[in-house]
Structures are given as structure tokens and as C-alpha cells.
Amino acid sequence: NSNHYQKQISEIVIYFASISGELVLIERPFVRRLNPSSIEGDCYNCLQRSYNLYPCRGCSEIGFCSRTCEQAVWTISTDSSDRKQDAVCHWFECGQLTRFPNGNFNRWKWLQGDVMENRAGLARYQALFHQNSPKTERTVGPQLCSLAFASIAQTTPKAIRSLAQGLSLKPGEDQVDSAVPRCSQSALSAFSGIHEPPLPDLCDAGLLSVGWLRTLSEKRDALNLWQNTIAAVFLTHCLKAGGYKLDWDDNCLLNPSGDILLVDEQPLPASWAAACLLHQLQCFPIASQDITRAACMNDARDTSENPCMVWERIRQNKFAKGVYPIMSLRSHSCDMNTHTVYMADGVCALFTLKQIKCGETLSRIQTGHFFYQNRTERQEELRQSYLIECQCVACRENWSSHDLTIRIRCPSCRKITPLNGLGPQNLHSGRACSCPRKHLRRILERYATLCHNAKNLVTTIPSEYREIPFHKIPQELMDNQLVNLTRMLRSVGLDGLLVRPSYILVGLQVRLIQLLSLRYGCCVTEFGDHNNDSDLSSYTYIVQFRLHLENDR
């Protein structure tokens, strides 16, 4: 719905009813990079786990699974229609990656020290910094620097120059469309402050696909803005050192909306590249996502050729980070209704975790789930890291994992009835439903049956993998289990009876997330010592314990 996107670009509203476990969106990353801890074990280009990596021809910082991947990152195409949207370009970052420190670009601790400089220019800044607590020290990490740097390095100077000056590009190309008159404002938010692009630009393969993202500058303090500005200037120098054509002289501070139009032969003004980098440094922490894969931890003491899989040893391994402009439109919720699964090349698939009605907003989780992190901790982390004041239902009603109350919604009158147990005699005295006892008895019998089936699903799914090597898990097994789980999470199942928050529904969603990752996501095996498998996830075990508790009532 284009009207919706033009009026409300900050969220995704679904215009069709969706059931749990349904695929609703697939997006390739605009840019993606390996985490520093994964550089030595994964291909820098395709992200595949690989051993004995081929070295880069120009630096010792990265490696590749094949000569083909190594050659691919050095291929530069002047025509963006020939380039994959998420193609890795290493040409300008070769030799520069080690210059992205995880710390203070502007001697941060010195500026917050007790000694005041005599120079008036610095004294003014120091006075401002002294008004803030030393605990608010901000740094720009190497991963964020790498993503922002790569977003400009993979974009030709010609494309940035044209977009900054309000010129339109031909679809899929870096050539100026002379048939379209010059716009009064740039399409890039870094120069115009515009955050609502035409709908086709959401799927554009170039800089426009992220050029509209919000930076939330109005919510940032001086400390954060200053540190990001210093980082942007530093990264611009790294671009120049890497061979990117920039003008630090006559046209460095040229006004992009002025009357002077730069021609193709002229290099890009350095301040224009710095403005784009500053925009990315502010919006990428919100628009980026951890790229994960399921890692099955085999016991190093198991000497068999094909060790069998142990469900409790499956970890979610964060090995890379990518920027997904459309995915970032999902609003935050501490009880999210979607889950992302990452496939080859960092392609992200979005699945639903619960029933979503027509007109509802798709949501994601950016901090801890309400089930295992209290509201105060969640909201503090959201304010500090994402500049968000969370107003989701879980926060407004202060949902907690300590709440064992069971609430069912009567299918007839739609009123909520608390339960003290499974029998009609255990109905809460303050129940709102006034339907006949005979009718309620049938509802409770159905609820007891569904609870028994839910307990079996949560506890028996892991046992069905005990005798199967990880790389030989049949797809039919996972498909059947997904069908059973999604049926339980539909209106004909427990999701049609139970009122959230419900630890039973949380337990089913945990299994759904695990199965979706195994069935559709990237998976690897690793070796290590496992003296006690119970340390994997206390979250999962709490859910299982409570399902047993519910069954015993």
C-alpha cells in the first residue's frame, strides 16, 4: 500500500491475516560484514564456514573460501545494474580495516578529565562534557565503522554526487536521468532531512535504499553526536587512503544544493562523503541486525564418525552483521510477533510467531524478552542503545515470568476467565464470563487436552533427534513438527483460548523459533567439552518446568 508508506514510514502494517510460522518477507542485506571474531573461520564474501582460508591479495585481515570469492570482492562495476545488491567490495577497504579501533576517536577520556585546556576553543567543548557523567562515555565500535565505511565504498562517487545535488538516476544505473529535472532537495536524508522516500526506493539496490533511514538526531546528546562526527571524518580519511576519489581542497565544503553542479570528471567533495558516513553511523545501529546461524556443539570426547545430535547443545551463533532497511521498519515489542531466519549470503527471511490480524503492526525484539528480563532493565537498555521509550503491551501491563496465572478467553462471550486449575470447580471467583457451567466444562476439557498436547510437543521434539546425526536430519521430520506447532498456535489451538501473557504460549514459540532456524537457516557444527548440557538455556527449561507444573494441577 503506497499511501501507507508515504504517510507512515516508521512501521510495517500487515494487510492480510497471517498464521504463526508463515513466511511474510525476504530481504537481502544492503551491506553485511563478518564480526571480528569470525574473520578467521568464515569467508569474507559469502559468509560460509570454511577452513584453510585463501588470503586476500592485499592485506592479512580477511580470508576467502575460494579464489572465486577472492576475485569477486575485487571486481568493480561502474554500472550498478551489474552488481548484486549485497555484493562485497573490498577494493577501498583493503588495508584500512585495522584502522577501525574499538574506542575513542577523539581522546574521549582526556576530554572528560579534570584538567582544563587553556585554549578557548577546546575549553568550551570540555565545559559541555564536564556537565555529563563519566559513565556516559560513548564509543563507535569497529563493526559499526565497517558497515558505514562499506556502504560508501560500494557506492560510486558519481552516484553520491548526483543524489546529493538532487539529480535523479536512471533505474538500476549510476547514470543521471536528464529527462527528470533537478529536485529542490536531495533524496538523501544526510543532505535534506527527508525520511519518506517514494515506495520504489525501498527496494533500490543503491544508496537510496538506506538514504532515507531515520537517525533520531533530535534524541541524541552532544556526547554521542560529537563522537559520531569525529568517527565520520576519520572514516572519510580512510576512504581517501584506500583510493576512493575525494576532493579535500577547493570543493571540499561545497554546498550540494547550490548553483554549482559538479561534472563527472570532478572528484566527490570530502564533506559530502562525511555527511553520508555520519548518517549511516547514526541510523545503522537501529537498521542493522545480528546475522545468526544454528550451531550444534558436538562433544569433543565423542569419537564416533557421525555423532548424534543433542538438542540441548544447539546455540544461536552471531557471526556477522547486516543492514536490512525494510526489516528495520518493524516496531519494537518486548513480546515480538515475528522472527528472522538467516540463509545463504545473509539473506533474511521473516516468519510470524503468532496469529497476526489484518491491520496489525509487525514487531521485533531489540533487547530481552519480557519472560526473562524485567521491565526496568529492558527499558533502560532500549533508551541507552536505541533511543526508544517502549510502550508495548508487555511494558504497559508489566508482564512478568513470575505470573503463573492462567487466563482463558471464552469463545462465546469473549470475556476473560482466570483459572485456579483445570476443573470447573477451580474457576476463579472473580471470573467475568457468565456462560453456563456446562458450556465452561467443555471449554476446560478442550483446554486440558490442548495443554497435554503442548507439553508433549515441547518435551518430545528434542528426543526425536537423539539418534540422528546433525547433517542427516530429514526435512520431513522438521516439517511435520512445524505443522504441529503452528496448529497449536492458531485460533483452533491454545492461542485461541489462552490470554497473554502465557508461559505455555512462550514455550511453544521457543520451539517454533528453534525449528524455523534448523529448517530454513544456515547451520554449522562445532566441537567442545560439554560437562553439563543444562547450561544451554535456563529460559527453555523454565518453560518446560512450568508446562509440567500446569499438567499436574
Foldseek 3Di string as FASTA:
>chain_A
DQVCLQVAVQFDFFFAWDFFFDFDDWFAFQEKAWDQVCQQQAAGWFRHGAHPFDAAPQARRHGHRDVVSNVQQCDADQWQLPPDLHGHHCQLCRVPLVVFAFDFLPPQVVLCDPDADPDPVSNVVSVVSVVDDPVLQDTQGSQLLVRLLRLVVNAAQLQLQQQQLQFDDDQRGSHTDPVDDRDLGGLACLQHVAQRDRPVLCRGSHPSVCRNFDLPVVLDDPNVLVRLLSSLLVSLVSSVVSPRFEDPPDCQPPRSNDPDRDDPVHHHRSVSSSSSSSSSSRRVLLQKDFAWAWAFADAPVDPDPFAFGQVLRIDIDRTMMGGNSSVSSAAEDLAFQWDWFAAISRIIIITGLFIDHRGDTGYDHDDHRQAPDWLVVRQVCCCSRPVDRDDHPCNVVRDYNPDAWWWWQQPPPRFIWIAPALALVGTDPPGPDPDDSVSVRVVSVQVLVLLVVLLCLLPCLSVVRNPPGLVGDDLVSLVVSLVSLSVQRYCVHVVVITDPPDLSSVLSSVVNNVSCSSNHHHYYYHYDHPPDSVVSDVSNVSSSVSSVVNNVD
